[in-house]
Protein backbone atom coordinates (compact mmCIF):
# COMPACT_ATOMS: atom_id res chain seq x y z
CA MET A 1 44.67 97.04 -50.75
CA THR A 2 42.69 99.92 -50.21
CA ASP A 3 43.41 100.92 -46.43
CA VAL A 4 47.43 100.27 -47.53
CA ALA A 5 46.59 102.66 -50.50
CA HIS A 6 45.03 105.17 -48.28
CA ALA A 7 47.98 105.39 -45.93
CA GLU A 8 50.49 105.88 -49.10
CA TRP A 9 48.17 108.77 -50.21
CA THR A 10 48.42 110.12 -46.34
CA LYS A 11 51.88 109.83 -46.20
CA LEU A 12 52.18 111.25 -49.57
CA ARG A 13 50.53 114.54 -48.92
CA THR A 14 51.95 115.03 -45.61
CA LEU A 15 55.42 114.87 -46.81
CA PRO A 16 57.67 117.88 -46.32
CA GLY A 17 57.59 120.16 -50.07
CA THR A 18 55.79 117.63 -51.92
CA GLY A 19 53.12 119.93 -53.41
CA TRP A 20 55.72 122.71 -54.20
CA LEU A 21 58.01 119.93 -55.85
CA LEU A 22 54.86 119.23 -58.08
CA LEU A 23 53.85 122.48 -58.81
CA ALA A 24 57.60 123.25 -59.54
CA ALA A 25 57.31 120.46 -62.54
CA ALA A 26 54.24 121.72 -63.53
CA ALA A 27 55.59 125.26 -63.72
CA LEU A 28 59.09 124.68 -65.12
CA THR A 29 57.87 122.25 -68.31
CA VAL A 30 54.94 125.09 -69.05
CA ALA A 31 57.88 128.10 -68.84
CA VAL A 32 60.76 126.27 -70.29
CA GLY A 33 58.04 125.33 -73.75
CA ALA A 34 57.01 128.70 -73.56
CA ALA A 35 60.15 130.24 -73.35
CA ALA A 36 61.25 127.93 -76.51
CA ALA A 37 58.20 128.27 -78.41
CA ASN A 38 58.72 132.54 -77.96
CA SER A 39 62.30 132.30 -78.95
CA VAL A 40 61.47 130.79 -82.38
CA THR A 41 62.21 132.31 -85.08
CA CYS A 42 61.99 131.95 -89.12
CA PRO A 43 63.06 133.13 -92.36
CA ALA A 44 60.57 134.49 -94.69
CA GLY A 45 60.39 131.49 -96.62
CA GLY A 46 59.77 129.24 -93.87
CA CYS A 47 61.41 126.84 -91.34
CA GLN A 48 61.63 123.32 -90.90
CA LEU A 49 59.88 123.19 -87.00
CA ASP A 50 57.39 120.92 -85.29
CA PRO A 51 55.61 123.69 -83.15
CA ALA A 52 54.07 119.94 -80.87
CA LYS A 53 57.72 119.21 -79.95
CA VAL A 54 58.87 122.79 -79.49
CA SER A 55 55.79 123.64 -76.78
CA LEU A 56 56.25 120.26 -74.89
CA THR A 57 60.39 121.19 -74.33
CA GLY A 58 59.77 121.46 -71.01
CA VAL A 59 59.19 118.10 -70.38
CA ASP A 60 62.36 116.95 -70.67
CA LEU A 61 63.22 119.39 -67.21
CA GLY A 62 59.90 118.81 -65.56
CA GLN A 63 61.09 114.70 -65.48
CA ALA A 64 63.77 115.18 -63.20
CA ILE A 65 61.69 116.58 -60.21
CA VAL A 66 58.84 114.20 -60.89
CA ALA A 67 61.82 111.71 -60.35
CA ILE A 68 62.95 113.53 -57.13
CA VAL A 69 59.00 113.55 -55.72
CA ALA A 70 59.38 110.01 -56.76
CA VAL A 71 62.29 108.61 -55.02
CA THR A 72 61.23 110.72 -51.93
CA VAL A 73 58.12 108.62 -51.47
CA VAL A 74 60.54 105.69 -50.36
CA SER A 75 63.87 106.96 -49.47
CA SER A 76 62.30 109.44 -46.91
CA GLU A 77 60.86 106.18 -44.93
CA TYR A 78 64.23 104.46 -44.91
CA SER A 79 66.11 107.53 -43.78
CA THR A 80 63.33 108.08 -40.83
CA GLY A 81 63.01 104.43 -39.94
CA MET A 82 59.44 104.56 -40.59
CA ILE A 83 59.51 101.85 -43.46
CA ARG A 84 59.61 99.40 -40.29
CA LEU A 85 55.96 100.43 -38.95
CA THR A 86 54.97 100.17 -42.78
CA LEU A 87 56.45 96.83 -43.21
CA ALA A 88 54.88 95.73 -39.59
CA ALA A 89 51.43 96.45 -40.69
CA THR A 90 51.82 95.54 -44.00
CA PRO A 91 54.31 92.51 -44.10
CA ARG A 92 53.98 91.70 -47.67
CA ARG A 93 56.14 94.36 -49.73
CA TRP A 94 54.69 93.77 -52.95
CA ARG A 95 51.18 95.71 -51.64
CA VAL A 96 53.13 98.33 -50.32
CA LEU A 97 54.98 98.97 -53.51
CA ALA A 98 52.20 98.38 -55.08
CA ALA A 99 50.40 100.87 -53.35
CA LYS A 100 52.87 103.61 -53.50
CA ALA A 101 53.13 102.96 -57.31
CA ALA A 102 49.25 103.43 -57.65
CA VAL A 103 49.44 106.69 -55.72
CA VAL A 104 52.52 108.31 -57.27
CA SER A 105 51.29 107.30 -60.88
CA THR A 106 48.17 109.05 -59.83
CA VAL A 107 49.46 112.32 -59.10
CA THR A 108 52.35 112.54 -61.47
CA LEU A 109 49.36 111.71 -64.33
CA ALA A 110 47.02 114.42 -62.71
CA THR A 111 49.91 117.24 -62.59
CA GLY A 112 51.37 116.08 -66.05
CA ALA A 113 48.00 116.52 -67.86
CA VAL A 114 47.59 119.72 -66.11
CA ALA A 115 51.12 121.27 -67.59
CA VAL A 116 51.11 119.47 -70.83
CA LEU A 117 47.58 121.13 -71.08
CA ALA A 118 48.89 124.38 -70.14
CA ALA A 119 52.40 123.79 -72.54
CA VAL A 120 50.30 123.15 -75.46
CA LEU A 121 47.73 126.20 -75.14
CA ALA A 122 51.08 128.73 -74.33
CA GLY A 123 52.68 126.82 -77.35
CA GLY A 124 49.95 127.68 -79.60
CA LEU A 125 49.48 131.26 -78.60
CA LEU A 126 53.51 132.56 -78.39
CA LEU A 127 54.09 130.56 -81.77
CA GLY A 128 50.91 131.56 -83.28
CA ARG A 129 52.58 135.49 -82.62
CA HIS A 130 55.43 134.52 -84.62
CA GLY A 131 53.30 132.90 -87.84
CA ILE A 132 54.12 129.54 -86.84
CA THR A 133 50.01 128.48 -87.83
CA ALA A 134 48.13 126.00 -89.98
CA ALA A 135 47.44 128.74 -92.17
CA HIS A 136 51.09 128.80 -93.19
CA GLY A 137 51.80 125.13 -93.60
CA TYR A 138 52.33 124.29 -90.23
CA GLU A 139 50.43 121.54 -88.32
CA ALA A 140 47.67 122.81 -86.19
CA LEU A 141 49.36 122.75 -82.66
CA SER A 142 45.51 121.78 -81.35
CA LEU A 143 44.51 118.77 -79.05
CA GLY A 144 41.65 118.11 -81.50
CA ASN A 145 44.46 117.47 -84.38
CA GLY A 146 45.50 113.77 -84.05
CA PRO A 147 49.27 113.81 -84.12
CA VAL A 148 49.63 117.00 -81.59
CA LEU A 149 47.14 114.82 -79.05
CA ARG A 150 48.89 111.74 -79.23
CA ALA A 151 52.49 113.55 -78.44
CA ALA A 152 50.88 115.25 -75.97
CA ALA A 153 49.53 111.87 -74.10
CA GLY A 154 52.39 110.48 -74.49
CA SER A 155 53.81 113.03 -72.95
CA VAL A 156 51.65 112.70 -69.70
CA LEU A 157 52.48 109.01 -70.43
CA TYR A 158 55.81 109.46 -69.99
CA LEU A 159 56.09 111.21 -67.06
CA ALA A 160 54.09 109.05 -65.03
CA LEU A 161 56.60 106.08 -66.40
CA ILE A 162 59.60 108.10 -65.59
CA ALA A 163 57.78 108.35 -61.56
CA LEU A 164 57.26 104.61 -61.49
CA PHE A 165 61.13 104.24 -62.89
CA SER A 166 62.16 106.32 -59.88
CA LEU A 167 59.94 104.57 -57.50
CA GLY A 168 61.63 101.45 -58.46
CA VAL A 169 65.82 102.62 -58.23
CA ALA A 170 64.76 103.92 -54.81
CA ALA A 171 63.25 101.09 -53.46
CA ALA A 172 66.34 99.14 -54.69
CA VAL A 173 69.25 101.27 -53.24
CA ARG A 174 67.07 102.91 -50.73
CA GLY A 175 69.51 106.06 -50.27
CA SER A 176 67.82 108.94 -51.77
CA ALA A 177 70.65 110.85 -53.15
CA VAL A 178 72.03 107.39 -54.57
CA ALA A 179 68.78 107.17 -56.43
CA ILE A 180 68.19 110.47 -57.46
CA GLY A 181 71.98 110.60 -59.06
CA VAL A 182 71.21 107.24 -60.83
CA VAL A 183 67.98 108.45 -61.81
CA LEU A 184 69.30 111.38 -63.43
CA ALA A 185 72.45 109.96 -65.10
CA LEU A 186 70.20 107.68 -67.00
CA LEU A 187 67.94 110.54 -67.91
CA PHE A 188 70.53 112.82 -69.33
CA LEU A 189 73.83 111.46 -69.35
CA PHE A 190 73.02 108.70 -72.68
CA PRO A 191 71.39 111.78 -74.61
CA ILE A 192 74.60 113.93 -73.92
CA LEU A 193 76.83 111.24 -74.75
CA SER A 194 74.75 110.32 -77.96
CA SER A 195 74.56 113.83 -79.15
CA VAL A 196 78.51 113.74 -79.38
CA ILE A 197 78.96 110.12 -80.80
CA THR A 198 78.82 110.57 -84.46
CA SER A 199 78.80 106.70 -85.00
CA PRO A 200 75.13 105.87 -86.38
CA GLY A 201 75.46 102.48 -84.87
CA TRP A 202 76.45 104.16 -80.91
CA HIS A 203 74.13 107.01 -81.86
CA ARG A 204 71.34 104.63 -81.76
CA HIS A 205 72.20 102.04 -78.99
CA LEU A 206 72.62 105.15 -76.32
CA GLU A 207 69.39 106.52 -77.49
CA GLN A 208 67.43 103.25 -76.69
CA LEU A 209 69.15 103.17 -73.66
CA SER A 210 68.01 106.36 -72.68
CA PRO A 211 64.36 106.99 -71.34
CA MET A 212 64.18 110.46 -72.64
CA THR A 213 63.79 108.99 -76.38
CA ALA A 214 60.17 108.07 -75.12
CA VAL A 215 59.28 111.13 -75.29
CA GLY A 216 61.50 112.31 -78.77
CA GLY A 217 60.90 109.26 -80.33
CA PRO A 218 56.33 109.27 -80.50
CA LEU A 219 57.06 113.25 -80.85
CA VAL A 220 58.68 112.65 -84.32
CA ILE A 221 56.78 109.43 -85.28
CA ALA A 222 53.47 111.76 -84.22
CA ALA A 223 54.55 114.39 -86.60
CA CYS A 224 55.52 112.36 -89.58
CA THR A 225 51.65 110.63 -88.80
CA GLU A 226 49.92 113.84 -90.43
CA PHE A 227 52.27 113.22 -93.84
CA THR A 228 51.40 109.93 -94.09
CA SER A 229 47.92 110.22 -96.63
CA LEU A 230 49.66 112.88 -98.23
CA ILE A 231 53.22 110.48 -99.00
CA LEU A 232 50.84 107.82 -99.57
CA LEU A 233 48.90 109.76 -102.67
CA ARG A 234 51.43 111.05 -103.83
CA PHE A 235 54.27 108.71 -104.37
CA ILE A 236 51.92 105.12 -103.92
CA GLU A 237 49.15 106.37 -105.98
CA GLU A 238 51.01 108.57 -108.13
CA LEU A 239 48.42 111.50 -107.86
CA SER A 240 49.92 114.86 -108.81
CA ILE A 241 50.16 117.44 -106.57
CA GLU A 242 47.20 119.45 -107.92
CA GLU A 243 45.15 115.81 -107.62
CA VAL A 244 46.15 115.49 -104.05
CA ALA A 245 45.63 118.73 -102.75
CA ALA A 246 41.79 118.18 -104.15
CA ALA A 247 41.56 115.07 -102.10
CA THR A 248 42.89 116.57 -99.17
CA ASN A 249 40.82 120.03 -99.68
CA LEU A 250 44.56 121.65 -98.63
CA GLY A 251 46.70 124.09 -100.79
CA ALA A 252 48.73 122.98 -103.94
CA SER A 253 51.51 125.30 -101.83
CA THR A 254 50.51 123.45 -98.82
CA VAL A 255 50.76 119.64 -99.51
CA LYS A 256 54.35 120.70 -101.26
CA THR A 257 55.78 121.97 -97.94
CA HIS A 258 53.65 118.97 -95.51
CA LEU A 259 55.23 116.12 -98.07
CA ARG A 260 58.67 117.87 -98.06
CA ARG A 261 58.67 118.07 -94.56
CA GLY A 262 57.11 114.89 -93.93
CA LEU A 263 59.75 113.20 -96.45
CA GLN A 264 62.70 115.31 -94.41
CA LYS A 265 61.43 113.39 -90.81
CA ILE A 266 61.01 109.73 -92.44
CA ARG A 267 64.99 110.54 -93.35
CA LYS A 268 66.20 111.80 -90.55
CA GLN A 269 64.31 108.72 -88.36
CA LEU A 270 66.04 106.88 -90.61
CA GLU A 271 69.70 108.19 -90.50
CA LEU A 272 69.00 107.94 -86.20
CA GLU A 273 68.05 104.08 -86.92
CA GLY A 274 71.23 104.06 -88.97
CA VAL A 275 69.53 102.87 -92.11
CA ARG A 276 71.12 105.03 -95.37
C-alpha cells in the first residue's frame, strides 16, 4: 500500500498546474476573507457580527479550486489512458482509490490549514481596525478561543471532505468537465436556491442537500457555544446580570451584549430548522 501511495503522490506533484491551483486555493481563501473583514462597517451602537464567519468567508470560494484539483487527479488518468497502466500495476481498484484519497486529503489538509490560519490572522488584524474586538464586546478572533478554533478546524476538515467527495464523483463519471460541473452544481446551486425560497421546510431540505452547510452550520454552532454558559446562568440559574458578570469576570454591558447575540443566533438557527 505504501508503494501505491508513493506512486499516487508522484503523479499528483508532477501533474501540470497542481501546485499553482493549491496555491490559488489558499490565496483566494485568505484574500476573500480579508476583503470581507476589511469591508465590515458597524454603527456606533454596534452590530450583529460573527468575526470567525467573516474571516472564513473565503472558504466558500477556495473549495471550488480544491474540488477541481481532486477531480483532475482521477480524470487526468482516464483522459490520457494512464489508468490502464495504473490498474495493470495495481489490479485492485480499491487500493488505487484509497491511495488517491489519502494523498489528496493530506495535501488538502495541509493547504487548508495554512489558508485558514492566515485567514484568521488577517481577519483579526483587519477587524481590529474597525473596532471589532473583544474589548468592544465581540468574540475574540483567536485560535486560543474555543469556538474560533472549532470553526477553523471544521473549515479545514470541510475542505478535505470536499476533496474526497470530488474524487469520488470523478471516479464515478470519469470525465473532468462532467465531474467538475456536478460538484460545483452541488456546492453552489442549492445554496442559491435556498436563498430565494421562502418556505422554511424547503429551505431546510435544500440546506441539508448542500455540502456548503457543513461550513455554515458548525460556524453558527461554534458562535453560539461561547454564549451557552451565559444563557444558562441567566435563564436557567436565574442569576441577575450583575451576578452573571461577577461569575464570568465580564462587565455587565458585555454580558448583556453577549446574551442578546446568543439569543438572536439561537432564534435564527431555530427559524432555519423550521421551528417557530
